[in-house]
Amino acid sequence: MIKSMTGYGRYEKVTDQYKIIAEIKSVNHRYCDITIKMPKRLYMFESAIRSLLKEYIGRGKVDLYITYEDYTAASMAVKYNHDIAKEYYDIIRKIGEEFGISSDINAPLLSRYPDVVMLEEQALDNDLIYERVEEAIRNSCVDFVQSRVVEGANLVKDINEKLDNISECVDFIVARSPEIVAEYREKIYNKVKELLGNTAIDESIIATEITLYADKICVDEEMVRLKSHISNMRQVLESEESVGRKLDFIAQELNREANTTLSKSNDVAVSNKAIDLKTEIEKIREQIQNIE
């Protein structure tokens, strides 16, 4: 199924123990470019998270934001540093003795000195944390992919409509080409007759001129290739794979044939249709830039 490279997904889970939010968004990009913003405690999972994202994403400029808060009391603990406390105590006693001043020290006062009592973050179960992170990312990716699929369906519909317009232009040019030759033949015949009057006209000379002219403006090959490319693009649009690059190549080929048709044409109606061809093809190329 065709997917757009533009998408958005979000998942949030809050429990008594933790809160986690995973938010993902993407825009067009030639390759798969992933940026992850998350708390430092999750940095160890970055490689695994990137691999996880690539299960859902083939191309695009992707930004993933992860918020993680742990509410469990076990995540923090009070630590008493005996050595630091003893040094403070000894120094205060020594100062009191040297200057003959009171050095009464009580426990509450000593505990207020820097680094005597500290809050320390306890080691958590990394496997458990990653399970929570993976759950959040996968759920946000499901939402994200769905948004890409919906947008992709709209792109496919729009491209098919433009292919219909291209097909109409091709049909017009195919039908118009024989008329151009017939009109040219009549124009040449009348001009020669006007110049020669009642003198017999050499039909072979006129036939040769018409043949050369018809060969010069002939776009049969271009029309056949255009029809083939249109059919090929419609088939690719039904593919289940990532087809953005393939579609871009087909669009280039469509544009090549349209350019050749325009360069060969010396008929106003055909030239206008060739310009319409190029216009529709350029619109398709712009839309293809959004496809994964």
C-alpha atoms as a PDB file:
ATOM      1  CA  MET A   1       0.000   0.000   0.000  1.00  0.00           C
ATOM      2  CA  ILE A   2       1.313   3.439  -0.987  1.00  0.00           C
ATOM      3  CA  LYS A   3       2.317   5.560   2.006  1.00  0.00           C
ATOM      4  CA  SER A   4       3.086   9.237   2.248  1.00  0.00           C
ATOM      5  CA  MET A   5       6.332  10.346   3.857  1.00  0.00           C
ATOM      6  CA  THR A   6       4.347  12.856   5.907  1.00  0.00           C
ATOM      7  CA  GLY A   7       2.891  11.368   9.066  1.00  0.00           C
ATOM      8  CA  TYR A   8       2.235  11.789  12.769  1.00  0.00           C
ATOM      9  CA  GLY A   9       1.688   9.370  15.646  1.00  0.00           C
ATOM     10  CA  ARG A  10       1.462   9.646  19.422  1.00  0.00           C
ATOM     11  CA  TYR A  11       1.081   7.276  22.353  1.00  0.00           C
ATOM     12  CA  GLU A  12       0.866   8.061  26.056  1.00  0.00           C
ATOM     13  CA  LYS A  13       0.659   5.730  29.018  1.00  0.00           C
ATOM     14  CA  VAL A  14       0.365   6.746  32.663  1.00  0.00           C
ATOM     15  CA  THR A  15       0.395   4.315  35.594  1.00  0.00           C
ATOM     16  CA  ASP A  16       1.092   4.565  39.311  1.00  0.00           C
ATOM     17  CA  GLN A  17       4.702   3.653  38.588  1.00  0.00           C
ATOM     18  CA  TYR A  18       5.608   5.623  35.473  1.00  0.00           C
ATOM     19  CA  LYS A  19       4.533   7.908  32.670  1.00  0.00           C
ATOM     20  CA  ILE A  20       5.781   7.558  29.100  1.00  0.00           C
ATOM     21  CA  ILE A  21       4.981   9.481  25.917  1.00  0.00           C
ATOM     22  CA  ALA A  22       6.213   8.612  22.439  1.00  0.00           C
ATOM     23  CA  GLU A  23       5.557  11.139  19.675  1.00  0.00           C
ATOM     24  CA  ILE A  24       6.705  10.642  16.096  1.00  0.00           C
ATOM     25  CA  LYS A  25       6.419  12.819  13.004  1.00  0.00           C
ATOM     26  CA  SER A  26       8.011  12.879   9.573  1.00  0.00           C
ATOM     27  CA  VAL A  27       8.374  14.916   6.397  1.00  0.00           C
ATOM     28  CA  ASN A  28       9.882  14.280   2.968  1.00  0.00           C
ATOM     29  CA  HIS A  29      13.472  13.147   2.647  1.00  0.00           C
ATOM     30  CA  ARG A  30      15.471  11.255   0.066  1.00  0.00           C
ATOM     31  CA  TYR A  31      16.663   8.725   2.628  1.00  0.00           C
ATOM     32  CA  CYS A  32      15.651   7.498   6.069  1.00  0.00           C
ATOM     33  CA  ASP A  33      16.953  10.164   8.442  1.00  0.00           C
ATOM     34  CA  ILE A  34      15.993   9.550  12.087  1.00  0.00           C
ATOM     35  CA  THR A  35      16.443  12.001  14.961  1.00  0.00           C
ATOM     36  CA  ILE A  36      15.656  10.855  18.512  1.00  0.00           C
ATOM     37  CA  LYS A  37      15.179  13.130  21.506  1.00  0.00           C
ATOM     38  CA  MET A  38      14.853  11.342  24.852  1.00  0.00           C
ATOM     39  CA  PRO A  39      16.030  11.428  28.492  1.00  0.00           C
ATOM     40  CA  LYS A  40      19.668  10.527  29.172  1.00  0.00           C
ATOM     41  CA  ARG A  41      18.699   7.370  31.016  1.00  0.00           C
ATOM     42  CA  LEU A  42      17.335   5.993  27.716  1.00  0.00           C
ATOM     43  CA  TYR A  43      20.473   6.679  25.654  1.00  0.00           C
ATOM     44  CA  MET A  44      21.604   3.076  26.033  1.00  0.00           C
ATOM     45  CA  PHE A  45      18.586   1.994  23.962  1.00  0.00           C
ATOM     46  CA  GLU A  46      19.218   4.294  20.991  1.00  0.00           C
ATOM     47  CA  SER A  47      20.507   1.593  18.645  1.00  0.00           C
ATOM     48  CA  ALA A  48      17.595  -0.715  19.468  1.00  0.00           C
ATOM     49  CA  ILE A  49      15.109   2.132  19.013  1.00  0.00           C
ATOM     50  CA  ARG A  50      16.517   2.979  15.561  1.00  0.00           C
ATOM     51  CA  SER A  51      16.224  -0.646  14.483  1.00  0.00           C
ATOM     52  CA  LEU A  52      12.666  -0.712  15.797  1.00  0.00           C
ATOM     53  CA  LEU A  53      11.682   2.394  13.835  1.00  0.00           C
ATOM     54  CA  LYS A  54      13.056   0.952  10.598  1.00  0.00           C
ATOM     55  CA  GLU A  55      10.532  -1.871  10.877  1.00  0.00           C
ATOM     56  CA  TYR A  56       7.855   0.737  10.176  1.00  0.00           C
ATOM     57  CA  ILE A  57       9.659   3.405   8.134  1.00  0.00           C
ATOM     58  CA  GLY A  58      11.476   3.163   4.796  1.00  0.00           C
ATOM     59  CA  ARG A  59      12.097   6.807   3.934  1.00  0.00           C
ATOM     60  CA  GLY A  60      11.566  10.249   5.404  1.00  0.00           C
ATOM     61  CA  LYS A  61      12.958  12.823   7.820  1.00  0.00           C
ATOM     62  CA  VAL A  62      11.726  11.325  11.083  1.00  0.00           C
ATOM     63  CA  ASP A  63      11.680  12.947  14.538  1.00  0.00           C
ATOM     64  CA  LEU A  64      10.932  10.811  17.594  1.00  0.00           C
ATOM     65  CA  TYR A  65      10.332  12.397  20.996  1.00  0.00           C
ATOM     66  CA  ILE A  66      10.251  10.239  24.133  1.00  0.00           C
ATOM     67  CA  THR A  67       9.281  11.464  27.597  1.00  0.00           C
ATOM     68  CA  TYR A  68       9.794   9.089  30.521  1.00  0.00           C
ATOM     69  CA  GLU A  69       9.097   9.700  34.218  1.00  0.00           C
ATOM     70  CA  ASP A  70       9.478   7.084  36.962  1.00  0.00           C
ATOM     71  CA  TYR A  71       7.210   7.541  39.995  1.00  0.00           C
ATOM     72  CA  THR A  72       8.470   4.628  42.061  1.00  0.00           C
ATOM     73  CA  ALA A  73      10.063   5.524  45.406  1.00  0.00           C
ATOM     74  CA  ALA A  74      12.649   2.822  44.838  1.00  0.00           C
ATOM     75  CA  SER A  75      14.182   4.886  42.060  1.00  0.00           C
ATOM     76  CA  MET A  76      15.728   7.277  44.644  1.00  0.00           C
ATOM     77  CA  ALA A  77      17.536   6.521  47.907  1.00  0.00           C
ATOM     78  CA  VAL A  78      19.137   8.568  50.700  1.00  0.00           C
ATOM     79  CA  LYS A  79      22.854   7.942  51.000  1.00  0.00           C
ATOM     80  CA  TYR A  80      24.974   8.792  54.095  1.00  0.00           C
ATOM     81  CA  ASN A  81      28.661   9.459  53.420  1.00  0.00           C
ATOM     82  CA  HIS A  82      30.479   8.518  56.645  1.00  0.00           C
ATOM     83  CA  ASP A  83      33.957   9.581  55.504  1.00  0.00           C
ATOM     84  CA  ILE A  84      32.822  13.062  54.483  1.00  0.00           C
ATOM     85  CA  ALA A  85      30.901  13.499  57.753  1.00  0.00           C
ATOM     86  CA  LYS A  86      33.961  12.454  59.816  1.00  0.00           C
ATOM     87  CA  GLU A  87      36.169  14.948  57.983  1.00  0.00           C
ATOM     88  CA  TYR A  88      33.711  17.773  58.667  1.00  0.00           C
ATOM     89  CA  TYR A  89      33.489  16.724  62.333  1.00  0.00           C
ATOM     90  CA  ASP A  90      37.257  16.531  62.808  1.00  0.00           C
ATOM     91  CA  ILE A  91      37.884  19.881  61.126  1.00  0.00           C
ATOM     92  CA  ILE A  92      35.204  21.649  63.178  1.00  0.00           C
ATOM     93  CA  ARG A  93      36.648  20.173  66.415  1.00  0.00           C
ATOM     94  CA  LYS A  94      40.133  21.273  65.387  1.00  0.00           C
ATOM     95  CA  ILE A  95      38.955  24.819  64.626  1.00  0.00           C
ATOM     96  CA  GLY A  96      37.306  24.984  68.050  1.00  0.00           C
ATOM     97  CA  GLU A  97      40.456  23.828  69.817  1.00  0.00           C
ATOM     98  CA  GLU A  98      42.738  26.238  67.933  1.00  0.00           C
ATOM     99  CA  PHE A  99      40.639  29.310  68.565  1.00  0.00           C
ATOM    100  CA  GLY A 100      39.264  28.316  71.944  1.00  0.00           C
ATOM    101  CA  ILE A 101      35.681  28.509  70.843  1.00  0.00           C
ATOM    102  CA  SER A 102      32.752  26.187  71.250  1.00  0.00           C
ATOM    103  CA  SER A 103      32.649  23.389  68.712  1.00  0.00           C
ATOM    104  CA  ASP A 104      29.391  21.760  69.753  1.00  0.00           C
ATOM    105  CA  ILE A 105      28.129  19.747  66.801  1.00  0.00           C
ATOM    106  CA  ASN A 106      24.879  17.854  66.619  1.00  0.00           C
ATOM    107  CA  ALA A 107      23.705  15.348  64.037  1.00  0.00           C
ATOM    108  CA  PRO A 108      21.095  17.555  62.301  1.00  0.00           C
ATOM    109  CA  LEU A 109      23.698  20.294  61.846  1.00  0.00           C
ATOM    110  CA  LEU A 110      26.319  17.902  60.479  1.00  0.00           C
ATOM    111  CA  SER A 111      23.858  16.355  58.050  1.00  0.00           C
ATOM    112  CA  ARG A 112      23.335  19.746  56.373  1.00  0.00           C
ATOM    113  CA  TYR A 113      26.922  19.977  55.175  1.00  0.00           C
ATOM    114  CA  PRO A 114      27.463  19.299  51.456  1.00  0.00           C
ATOM    115  CA  ASP A 115      27.657  15.656  50.390  1.00  0.00           C
ATOM    116  CA  VAL A 116      27.097  14.257  53.898  1.00  0.00           C
ATOM    117  CA  VAL A 117      23.554  13.186  53.032  1.00  0.00           C
ATOM    118  CA  MET A 118      22.612  12.830  49.369  1.00  0.00           C
ATOM    119  CA  LEU A 119      19.755  11.592  47.208  1.00  0.00           C
ATOM    120  CA  GLU A 120      21.036   8.938  44.862  1.00  0.00           C
ATOM    121  CA  GLU A 121      19.251   7.450  41.880  1.00  0.00           C
ATOM    122  CA  GLN A 122      18.976   3.692  42.201  1.00  0.00           C
ATOM    123  CA  ALA A 123      19.767   1.343  39.360  1.00  0.00           C
ATOM    124  CA  LEU A 124      16.584   0.239  37.609  1.00  0.00           C
ATOM    125  CA  ASP A 125      15.770  -2.868  35.653  1.00  0.00           C
ATOM    126  CA  ASN A 126      16.877  -1.946  32.118  1.00  0.00           C
ATOM    127  CA  ASP A 127      14.903  -4.759  30.531  1.00  0.00           C
ATOM    128  CA  LEU A 128      11.744  -3.513  32.198  1.00  0.00           C
ATOM    129  CA  ILE A 129      12.386   0.065  31.095  1.00  0.00           C
ATOM    130  CA  TYR A 130      12.980  -1.005  27.502  1.00  0.00           C
ATOM    131  CA  GLU A 131       9.751  -3.012  27.507  1.00  0.00           C
ATOM    132  CA  ARG A 132       7.904   0.169  28.424  1.00  0.00           C
ATOM    133  CA  VAL A 133       9.767   2.184  25.780  1.00  0.00           C
ATOM    134  CA  GLU A 134       9.202  -0.424  23.073  1.00  0.00           C
ATOM    135  CA  GLU A 135       5.489  -0.634  23.845  1.00  0.00           C
ATOM    136  CA  ALA A 136       5.143   3.147  23.563  1.00  0.00           C
ATOM    137  CA  ILE A 137       7.127   3.370  20.319  1.00  0.00           C
ATOM    138  CA  ARG A 138       5.295   0.508  18.622  1.00  0.00           C
ATOM    139  CA  ASN A 139       1.910   1.973  19.489  1.00  0.00           C
ATOM    140  CA  SER A 140       2.916   5.424  18.279  1.00  0.00           C
ATOM    141  CA  CYS A 141       4.276   3.846  15.071  1.00  0.00           C
ATOM    142  CA  VAL A 142       0.951   2.103  14.423  1.00  0.00           C
ATOM    143  CA  ASP A 143      -0.795   5.472  14.659  1.00  0.00           C
ATOM    144  CA  PHE A 144       1.964   7.063  12.588  1.00  0.00           C
ATOM    145  CA  VAL A 145       1.814   4.482   9.781  1.00  0.00           C
ATOM    146  CA  GLN A 146      -1.967   4.749   9.621  1.00  0.00           C
ATOM    147  CA  SER A 147      -1.717   8.499   9.052  1.00  0.00           C
ATOM    148  CA  ARG A 148       0.804   7.835   6.272  1.00  0.00           C
ATOM    149  CA  VAL A 149      -1.488   5.291   4.656  1.00  0.00           C
ATOM    150  CA  VAL A 150      -4.448   7.702   4.655  1.00  0.00           C
ATOM    151  CA  GLU A 151      -2.331  10.449   3.127  1.00  0.00           C
ATOM    152  CA  GLY A 152      -0.870   7.931   0.662  1.00  0.00           C
ATOM    153  CA  ALA A 153      -4.351   6.970  -0.543  1.00  0.00           C
ATOM    154  CA  ASN A 154      -5.078  10.637  -1.249  1.00  0.00           C
ATOM    155  CA  LEU A 155      -1.827  10.919  -3.209  1.00  0.00           C
ATOM    156  CA  VAL A 156      -2.648   7.843  -5.290  1.00  0.00           C
ATOM    157  CA  LYS A 157      -6.093   9.226  -6.111  1.00  0.00           C
ATOM    158  CA  ASP A 158      -4.615  12.562  -7.179  1.00  0.00           C
ATOM    159  CA  ILE A 159      -1.875  10.959  -9.304  1.00  0.00           C
ATOM    160  CA  ASN A 160      -4.378   8.684 -11.051  1.00  0.00           C
ATOM    161  CA  GLU A 161      -6.516  11.697 -11.911  1.00  0.00           C
ATOM    162  CA  LYS A 162      -3.485  13.385 -13.427  1.00  0.00           C
ATOM    163  CA  LEU A 163      -2.645  10.207 -15.354  1.00  0.00           C
ATOM    164  CA  ASP A 164      -6.187  10.330 -16.759  1.00  0.00           C
ATOM    165  CA  ASN A 165      -5.503  13.866 -17.976  1.00  0.00           C
ATOM    166  CA  ILE A 166      -2.230  12.714 -19.547  1.00  0.00           C
ATOM    167  CA  SER A 167      -4.032   9.845 -21.289  1.00  0.00           C
ATOM    168  CA  GLU A 168      -6.545  12.297 -22.742  1.00  0.00           C
ATOM    169  CA  CYS A 169      -3.687  14.433 -24.091  1.00  0.00           C
ATOM    170  CA  VAL A 170      -2.051  11.360 -25.643  1.00  0.00           C
ATOM    171  CA  ASP A 171      -5.339  10.272 -27.271  1.00  0.00           C
ATOM    172  CA  PHE A 172      -5.791  13.753 -28.697  1.00  0.00           C
ATOM    173  CA  ILE A 173      -2.271  13.817 -30.183  1.00  0.00           C
ATOM    174  CA  VAL A 174      -2.687  10.317 -31.646  1.00  0.00           C
ATOM    175  CA  ALA A 175      -5.969  11.340 -33.297  1.00  0.00           C
ATOM    176  CA  ARG A 176      -4.629  14.687 -34.456  1.00  0.00           C
ATOM    177  CA  SER A 177      -1.401  13.430 -36.082  1.00  0.00           C
ATOM    178  CA  PRO A 178      -3.004  11.967 -39.271  1.00  0.00           C
ATOM    179  CA  GLU A 179      -5.052  15.140 -39.675  1.00  0.00           C
ATOM    180  CA  ILE A 180      -1.862  17.234 -39.614  1.00  0.00           C
ATOM    181  CA  VAL A 181      -0.370  15.204 -42.465  1.00  0.00           C
ATOM    182  CA  ALA A 182      -3.603  15.382 -44.474  1.00  0.00           C
ATOM    183  CA  GLU A 183      -3.813  19.137 -43.983  1.00  0.00           C
ATOM    184  CA  TYR A 184      -0.176  19.539 -45.012  1.00  0.00           C
ATOM    185  CA  ARG A 185      -0.745  17.425 -48.115  1.00  0.00           C
ATOM    186  CA  GLU A 186      -3.713  19.575 -49.116  1.00  0.00           C
ATOM    187  CA  LYS A 187      -1.744  22.748 -48.432  1.00  0.00           C
ATOM    188  CA  ILE A 188       1.203  21.583 -50.573  1.00  0.00           C
ATOM    189  CA  TYR A 189      -1.094  20.364 -53.358  1.00  0.00           C
ATOM    190  CA  ASN A 190      -2.991  23.674 -53.504  1.00  0.00           C
ATOM    191  CA  LYS A 191       0.244  25.686 -53.443  1.00  0.00           C
ATOM    192  CA  VAL A 192       1.764  23.684 -56.296  1.00  0.00           C
ATOM    193  CA  LYS A 193      -1.447  23.892 -58.297  1.00  0.00           C
ATOM    194  CA  GLU A 194      -1.536  27.632 -57.773  1.00  0.00           C
ATOM    195  CA  LEU A 195       2.033  27.966 -59.036  1.00  0.00           C
ATOM    196  CA  LEU A 196       1.740  25.566 -61.999  1.00  0.00           C
ATOM    197  CA  GLY A 197      -1.783  26.394 -63.086  1.00  0.00           C
ATOM    198  CA  ASN A 198      -3.059  23.793 -65.552  1.00  0.00           C
ATOM    199  CA  THR A 199       0.320  22.075 -65.814  1.00  0.00           C
ATOM    200  CA  ALA A 200       0.239  18.436 -64.756  1.00  0.00           C
ATOM    201  CA  ILE A 201       1.336  17.894 -61.177  1.00  0.00           C
ATOM    202  CA  ASP A 202       3.933  15.219 -60.446  1.00  0.00           C
ATOM    203  CA  GLU A 203       2.274  13.268 -57.640  1.00  0.00           C
ATOM    204  CA  SER A 204       5.515  11.452 -56.797  1.00  0.00           C
ATOM    205  CA  ILE A 205       7.225  14.696 -55.815  1.00  0.00           C
ATOM    206  CA  ILE A 206       4.317  15.649 -53.583  1.00  0.00           C
ATOM    207  CA  ALA A 207       4.264  12.149 -52.087  1.00  0.00           C
ATOM    208  CA  THR A 208       7.979  12.391 -51.319  1.00  0.00           C
ATOM    209  CA  GLU A 209       7.531  15.765 -49.642  1.00  0.00           C
ATOM    210  CA  ILE A 210       4.595  14.486 -47.590  1.00  0.00           C
ATOM    211  CA  THR A 211       6.585  11.409 -46.543  1.00  0.00           C
ATOM    212  CA  LEU A 212       9.517  13.501 -45.364  1.00  0.00           C
ATOM    213  CA  TYR A 213       7.191  15.834 -43.476  1.00  0.00           C
ATOM    214  CA  ALA A 214       5.268  12.974 -41.879  1.00  0.00           C
ATOM    215  CA  ASP A 215       8.501  11.329 -40.757  1.00  0.00           C
ATOM    216  CA  LYS A 216       9.741  14.610 -39.276  1.00  0.00           C
ATOM    217  CA  ILE A 217       6.678  15.202 -37.124  1.00  0.00           C
ATOM    218  CA  CYS A 218       5.879  11.556 -36.362  1.00  0.00           C
ATOM    219  CA  VAL A 219       5.416  10.963 -32.619  1.00  0.00           C
ATOM    220  CA  ASP A 220       4.017   7.436 -32.814  1.00  0.00           C
ATOM    221  CA  GLU A 221       6.916   5.987 -30.811  1.00  0.00           C
ATOM    222  CA  GLU A 222       6.588   8.687 -28.170  1.00  0.00           C
ATOM    223  CA  MET A 223       2.861   8.056 -27.820  1.00  0.00           C
ATOM    224  CA  VAL A 224       3.387   4.303 -27.475  1.00  0.00           C
ATOM    225  CA  ARG A 225       6.010   4.843 -24.793  1.00  0.00           C
ATOM    226  CA  LEU A 226       3.823   7.359 -22.984  1.00  0.00           C
ATOM    227  CA  LYS A 227       0.971   4.866 -22.875  1.00  0.00           C
ATOM    228  CA  SER A 228       3.350   2.208 -21.604  1.00  0.00           C
ATOM    229  CA  HIS A 229       4.709   4.493 -18.865  1.00  0.00           C
ATOM    230  CA  ILE A 230       1.184   5.479 -17.808  1.00  0.00           C
ATOM    231  CA  SER A 231       0.197   1.820 -17.493  1.00  0.00           C
ATOM    232  CA  ASN A 232       3.408   1.014 -15.626  1.00  0.00           C
ATOM    233  CA  MET A 233       2.882   3.869 -13.159  1.00  0.00           C
ATOM    234  CA  ARG A 234      -0.673   2.728 -12.421  1.00  0.00           C
ATOM    235  CA  GLN A 235       0.615  -0.769 -11.664  1.00  0.00           C
ATOM    236  CA  VAL A 236       3.361   0.551  -9.387  1.00  0.00           C
ATOM    237  CA  LEU A 237       0.802   2.648  -7.504  1.00  0.00           C
ATOM    238  CA  GLU A 238      -0.919  -0.601  -6.518  1.00  0.00           C
ATOM    239  CA  SER A 239       2.283  -2.089  -5.105  1.00  0.00           C
ATOM    240  CA  GLU A 240       2.690  -2.960  -1.434  1.00  0.00           C
ATOM    241  CA  GLU A 241       6.345  -1.912  -1.381  1.00  0.00           C
ATOM    242  CA  SER A 242       8.119   1.439  -1.044  1.00  0.00           C
ATOM    243  CA  VAL A 243       7.901   2.778  -4.590  1.00  0.00           C
ATOM    244  CA  GLY A 244       8.793   6.468  -4.378  1.00  0.00           C
ATOM    245  CA  ARG A 245      12.095   6.142  -6.261  1.00  0.00           C
ATOM    246  CA  LYS A 246      10.561   3.885  -8.925  1.00  0.00           C
ATOM    247  CA  LEU A 247       7.712   6.336  -9.509  1.00  0.00           C
ATOM    248  CA  ASP A 248      10.189   9.193  -9.772  1.00  0.00           C
ATOM    249  CA  PHE A 249      12.075   7.308 -12.508  1.00  0.00           C
ATOM    250  CA  ILE A 250       8.863   6.664 -14.477  1.00  0.00           C
ATOM    251  CA  ALA A 251       7.926  10.348 -14.162  1.00  0.00           C
ATOM    252  CA  GLN A 252      11.312  11.281 -15.639  1.00  0.00           C
ATOM    253  CA  GLU A 253      10.627   9.002 -18.602  1.00  0.00           C
ATOM    254  CA  LEU A 254       7.176  10.521 -19.078  1.00  0.00           C
ATOM    255  CA  ASN A 255       8.745  13.965 -19.126  1.00  0.00           C
ATOM    256  CA  ARG A 256      11.365  12.852 -21.659  1.00  0.00           C
ATOM    257  CA  GLU A 257       8.684  11.700 -24.118  1.00  0.00           C
ATOM    258  CA  ALA A 258       6.657  14.874 -23.591  1.00  0.00           C
ATOM    259  CA  ASN A 259       9.730  16.999 -24.374  1.00  0.00           C
ATOM    260  CA  THR A 260      10.407  15.043 -27.570  1.00  0.00           C
ATOM    261  CA  THR A 261       6.778  15.401 -28.638  1.00  0.00           C
ATOM    262  CA  LEU A 262       6.880  19.143 -28.082  1.00  0.00           C
ATOM    263  CA  SER A 263      10.143  19.526 -30.021  1.00  0.00           C
ATOM    264  CA  LYS A 264       8.744  17.643 -33.026  1.00  0.00           C
ATOM    265  CA  SER A 265       5.447  19.478 -33.163  1.00  0.00           C
ATOM    266  CA  ASN A 266       4.751  22.395 -35.490  1.00  0.00           C
ATOM    267  CA  ASP A 267       1.003  22.214 -34.974  1.00  0.00           C
ATOM    268  CA  VAL A 268      -0.510  24.632 -32.457  1.00  0.00           C
ATOM    269  CA  ALA A 269      -3.072  22.154 -31.119  1.00  0.00           C
ATOM    270  CA  VAL A 270      -0.476  19.403 -30.617  1.00  0.00           C
ATOM    271  CA  SER A 271       1.987  21.853 -29.070  1.00  0.00           C
ATOM    272  CA  ASN A 272      -0.649  22.980 -26.575  1.00  0.00           C
ATOM    273  CA  LYS A 273      -1.404  19.378 -25.635  1.00  0.00           C
ATOM    274  CA  ALA A 274       2.293  18.634 -25.260  1.00  0.00           C
ATOM    275  CA  ILE A 275       2.561  21.590 -22.885  1.00  0.00           C
ATOM    276  CA  ASP A 276      -0.435  20.223 -20.973  1.00  0.00           C
ATOM    277  CA  LEU A 277       1.389  16.894 -20.818  1.00  0.00           C
ATOM    278  CA  LYS A 278       4.462  18.491 -19.292  1.00  0.00           C
ATOM    279  CA  THR A 279       2.342  20.443 -16.809  1.00  0.00           C
ATOM    280  CA  GLU A 280       0.528  17.333 -15.567  1.00  0.00           C
ATOM    281  CA  ILE A 281       3.760  15.333 -15.419  1.00  0.00           C
ATOM    282  CA  GLU A 282       5.427  18.040 -13.328  1.00  0.00           C
ATOM    283  CA  LYS A 283       2.481  17.973 -10.919  1.00  0.00           C
ATOM    284  CA  ILE A 284       2.882  14.211 -10.634  1.00  0.00           C
ATOM    285  CA  ARG A 285       6.607  14.570  -9.946  1.00  0.00           C
ATOM    286  CA  GLU A 286       5.839  17.001  -7.128  1.00  0.00           C
ATOM    287  CA  GLN A 287       3.377  14.565  -5.579  1.00  0.00           C
ATOM    288  CA  ILE A 288       5.773  11.651  -5.935  1.00  0.00           C
ATOM    289  CA  GLN A 289       8.250  13.512  -3.728  1.00  0.00           C
ATOM    290  CA  ASN A 290       5.778  12.854  -0.883  1.00  0.00           C
ATOM    291  CA  ILE A 291       5.645   9.076  -1.422  1.00  0.00           C
ATOM    292  CA  GLU A 292       7.771   6.688   0.648  1.00  0.00           C
END
